Amino acid sequence: MQIITSRLVLRALQDADLDTFVAYRNDPAVAQWQSWPQPYSTEAAQQLIQDADANLPPVPGRWRQVGICLKDTGQLIGDCAFCLTDEGRQAEIGITLSQPAQGQGYANEALRALFTHLFGQLGIHRLSAACDPANAGSIRLLRALGLREEGRFVQASWIRNQWVDDLWFALLQHEWLTGSGA
């Protein structure tokens, strides 16, 4: 899988991405909204890169990590992920950007391309995303992409030795295709 936008390339993570990947996953400002363990080890990153071959067909129930790279330089600036559920009819998505790449519209551009792929090429019916209710940037992003807030699950996730709430958002295929999302 490779998706090219005006400024980005979404592609399989590669061994050459390892140091950059580990660095932003260990950045406290990035990791605060994520569930991966801290510190994030090189071994964990190597295993994820090995297991997350975005060039293989997606398998329901398994997360597929996709690198987000600058088109002009090839520099990895983050990753997005999706997990197909219900035999491929639905997907949960997530995104992480390195701190220097935040606030420049890259997350919006990457997720628009990913949504088009999921709704178009894969034909999913519905996608969803969860975030911490205190993560104002992710909430703004999801709303800007047309996702509707569907609910707050109180103390639903155990992250870094504490229970945290999840705020859930969703979008249907016909809403994306017609631009009639939230």
Protein backbone atom coordinates (compact mmCIF):
# COMPACT_ATOMS: atom_id res chain seq x y z
CA MET A 1 0.00 0.00 0.00
CA GLN A 2 1.33 3.38 -0.99
CA ILE A 3 -0.80 6.51 -1.04
CA ILE A 4 0.55 9.79 -2.38
CA THR A 5 -0.95 13.18 -1.52
CA SER A 6 0.20 16.67 -2.41
CA ARG A 7 2.76 16.74 0.44
CA LEU A 8 2.91 13.21 1.83
CA VAL A 9 3.52 9.57 1.05
CA LEU A 10 1.78 6.95 3.17
CA ARG A 11 3.77 3.75 2.92
CA ALA A 12 4.97 0.67 4.75
CA LEU A 13 7.27 1.35 7.67
CA GLN A 14 10.85 0.38 6.85
CA ASP A 15 13.94 -0.59 8.82
CA ALA A 16 15.46 2.80 7.92
CA ASP A 17 12.60 4.46 9.89
CA LEU A 18 13.61 2.80 13.16
CA ASP A 19 15.50 5.63 14.89
CA THR A 20 12.97 8.32 13.93
CA PHE A 21 10.07 6.07 14.92
CA VAL A 22 11.55 5.29 18.34
CA ALA A 23 12.44 8.96 18.92
CA TYR A 24 8.91 10.32 18.44
CA ARG A 25 7.32 7.44 20.32
CA ASN A 26 9.55 8.34 23.27
CA ASP A 27 8.78 12.06 23.10
CA PRO A 28 6.64 12.75 26.22
CA ALA A 29 4.56 15.36 24.36
CA VAL A 30 3.64 12.75 21.73
CA ALA A 31 3.34 9.71 24.00
CA GLN A 32 1.04 11.39 26.53
CA TRP A 33 -2.00 10.62 24.36
CA GLN A 34 -0.98 7.10 23.39
CA SER A 35 -1.19 3.73 25.10
CA TRP A 36 2.23 2.31 24.23
CA PRO A 37 4.61 1.66 27.15
CA GLN A 38 7.24 4.20 28.12
CA PRO A 39 10.06 4.10 27.43
CA TYR A 40 9.28 2.70 23.98
CA SER A 41 12.04 0.23 23.18
CA THR A 42 13.98 -0.25 19.98
CA GLU A 43 13.05 -3.94 20.16
CA ALA A 44 9.33 -3.12 20.26
CA ALA A 45 9.76 -0.81 17.27
CA GLN A 46 11.69 -3.44 15.32
CA GLN A 47 8.93 -5.98 15.98
CA LEU A 48 6.19 -3.53 14.98
CA ILE A 49 8.00 -2.62 11.75
CA GLN A 50 8.54 -6.30 10.97
CA ASP A 51 4.90 -7.22 11.68
CA ALA A 52 3.28 -4.16 10.09
CA ASP A 53 3.92 -4.74 6.42
CA ALA A 54 1.51 -2.26 4.84
CA ASN A 55 2.13 -3.91 1.47
CA LEU A 56 0.21 -7.04 2.51
CA PRO A 57 -3.59 -7.18 2.33
CA PRO A 58 -5.19 -6.06 5.60
CA VAL A 59 -6.41 -8.81 7.91
CA PRO A 60 -9.47 -8.23 10.11
CA GLY A 61 -8.50 -8.02 13.75
CA ARG A 62 -4.89 -6.95 13.13
CA TRP A 63 -3.67 -3.36 13.26
CA ARG A 64 -1.90 -2.13 10.15
CA GLN A 65 0.68 0.63 10.78
CA VAL A 66 1.46 2.94 7.86
CA GLY A 67 4.33 5.41 7.83
CA ILE A 68 3.63 9.07 7.02
CA CYS A 69 6.52 10.62 5.12
CA LEU A 70 7.19 13.99 3.56
CA LYS A 71 6.88 13.61 -0.20
CA ASP A 72 9.82 15.90 -0.98
CA THR A 73 12.38 14.35 1.38
CA GLY A 74 11.07 10.90 2.32
CA GLN A 75 11.47 11.83 6.01
CA LEU A 76 9.19 9.86 8.36
CA ILE A 77 7.08 12.33 10.36
CA GLY A 78 4.58 9.95 11.93
CA ASP A 79 2.35 6.98 11.37
CA CYS A 80 -1.29 6.16 11.08
CA ALA A 81 -2.96 2.84 11.65
CA PHE A 82 -6.18 1.01 11.01
CA CYS A 83 -7.74 -2.21 12.20
CA LEU A 84 -10.52 -3.85 10.24
CA THR A 85 -13.35 -5.36 12.26
CA ASP A 86 -16.57 -7.18 11.45
CA GLU A 87 -14.93 -9.18 8.66
CA GLY A 88 -13.60 -6.02 7.07
CA ARG A 89 -16.80 -4.00 7.10
CA GLN A 90 -15.63 -1.50 9.74
CA ALA A 91 -12.30 0.01 10.76
CA GLU A 92 -10.82 1.74 13.78
CA ILE A 93 -8.13 4.31 12.99
CA GLY A 94 -5.39 6.13 14.83
CA ILE A 95 -2.61 8.61 14.06
CA THR A 96 0.61 9.83 15.62
CA LEU A 97 2.79 12.70 14.41
CA SER A 98 6.21 13.75 15.63
CA GLN A 99 6.11 17.02 17.53
CA PRO A 100 7.78 19.13 14.77
CA ALA A 101 5.20 17.88 12.23
CA GLN A 102 2.18 18.84 14.34
CA GLY A 103 0.06 21.89 13.55
CA GLN A 104 0.85 21.92 9.82
CA GLY A 105 -2.18 20.04 8.47
CA TYR A 106 -0.28 16.79 7.89
CA ALA A 107 -2.61 14.71 10.10
CA ASN A 108 -5.66 16.00 8.23
CA GLU A 109 -4.03 15.31 4.86
CA ALA A 110 -2.87 11.81 5.86
CA LEU A 111 -6.21 10.79 7.33
CA ARG A 112 -8.15 12.14 4.34
CA ALA A 113 -6.04 9.92 2.11
CA LEU A 114 -6.44 6.95 4.45
CA PHE A 115 -10.22 7.45 4.68
CA THR A 116 -10.48 7.57 0.88
CA HIS A 117 -8.55 4.30 0.72
CA LEU A 118 -10.63 2.62 3.44
CA PHE A 119 -14.01 3.75 2.12
CA GLY A 120 -13.08 3.46 -1.56
CA GLN A 121 -10.64 0.63 -2.24
CA LEU A 122 -11.55 -1.45 0.82
CA GLY A 123 -15.24 -0.56 0.80
CA ILE A 124 -15.66 -0.31 4.54
CA HIS A 125 -19.05 0.80 5.86
CA ARG A 126 -17.95 2.67 9.00
CA LEU A 127 -14.81 3.91 10.68
CA SER A 128 -14.26 4.97 14.24
CA ALA A 129 -11.59 6.63 16.35
CA ALA A 130 -11.08 7.11 20.07
CA CYS A 131 -9.08 9.73 21.90
CA ASP A 132 -8.54 11.09 25.38
CA PRO A 133 -11.16 13.79 26.12
CA ALA A 134 -8.30 16.12 27.11
CA ASN A 135 -6.63 15.77 23.70
CA ALA A 136 -8.07 18.94 22.15
CA GLY A 137 -5.96 18.66 18.99
CA SER A 138 -7.25 15.20 18.12
CA ILE A 139 -10.83 16.21 18.86
CA ARG A 140 -10.52 19.21 16.50
CA LEU A 141 -8.95 16.98 13.83
CA LEU A 142 -11.65 14.31 14.01
CA ARG A 143 -14.42 16.89 13.86
CA ALA A 144 -12.74 18.68 10.93
CA LEU A 145 -12.70 15.36 9.07
CA GLY A 146 -16.45 15.02 9.55
CA LEU A 147 -16.53 12.44 12.32
CA ARG A 148 -19.33 12.77 14.84
CA GLU A 149 -18.85 12.34 18.56
CA GLU A 150 -20.72 9.20 19.57
CA GLY A 151 -19.93 8.79 23.22
CA ARG A 152 -17.64 8.97 26.17
CA PHE A 153 -16.59 5.74 27.84
CA VAL A 154 -15.70 6.58 31.43
CA GLN A 155 -12.48 5.03 32.73
CA ALA A 156 -12.44 2.62 29.81
CA SER A 157 -8.69 2.35 29.18
CA TRP A 158 -5.83 1.49 31.51
CA ILE A 159 -2.93 3.67 30.38
CA ARG A 160 0.25 4.33 32.34
CA ASN A 161 -1.13 2.88 35.57
CA GLN A 162 -4.35 4.85 35.59
CA TRP A 163 -7.86 4.60 34.19
CA VAL A 164 -8.66 7.17 31.50
CA ASP A 165 -11.80 8.02 29.58
CA ASP A 166 -12.20 7.39 25.84
CA LEU A 167 -14.09 9.78 23.60
CA TRP A 168 -15.39 7.92 20.53
CA PHE A 169 -16.05 9.35 17.06
CA ALA A 170 -17.35 7.70 13.87
CA LEU A 171 -18.11 8.28 10.21
CA LEU A 172 -20.10 6.24 7.68
CA GLN A 173 -19.01 5.53 4.12
CA HIS A 174 -21.91 7.44 2.53
CA GLU A 175 -21.17 10.46 4.76
CA TRP A 176 -17.56 10.52 3.56
CA LEU A 177 -18.46 10.02 -0.09
CA THR A 178 -21.13 12.73 -0.04
CA GLY A 179 -19.35 15.10 2.33
CA SER A 180 -22.30 14.97 4.72
CA GLY A 181 -20.35 13.95 7.85
CA ALA A 182 -20.69 15.70 11.18
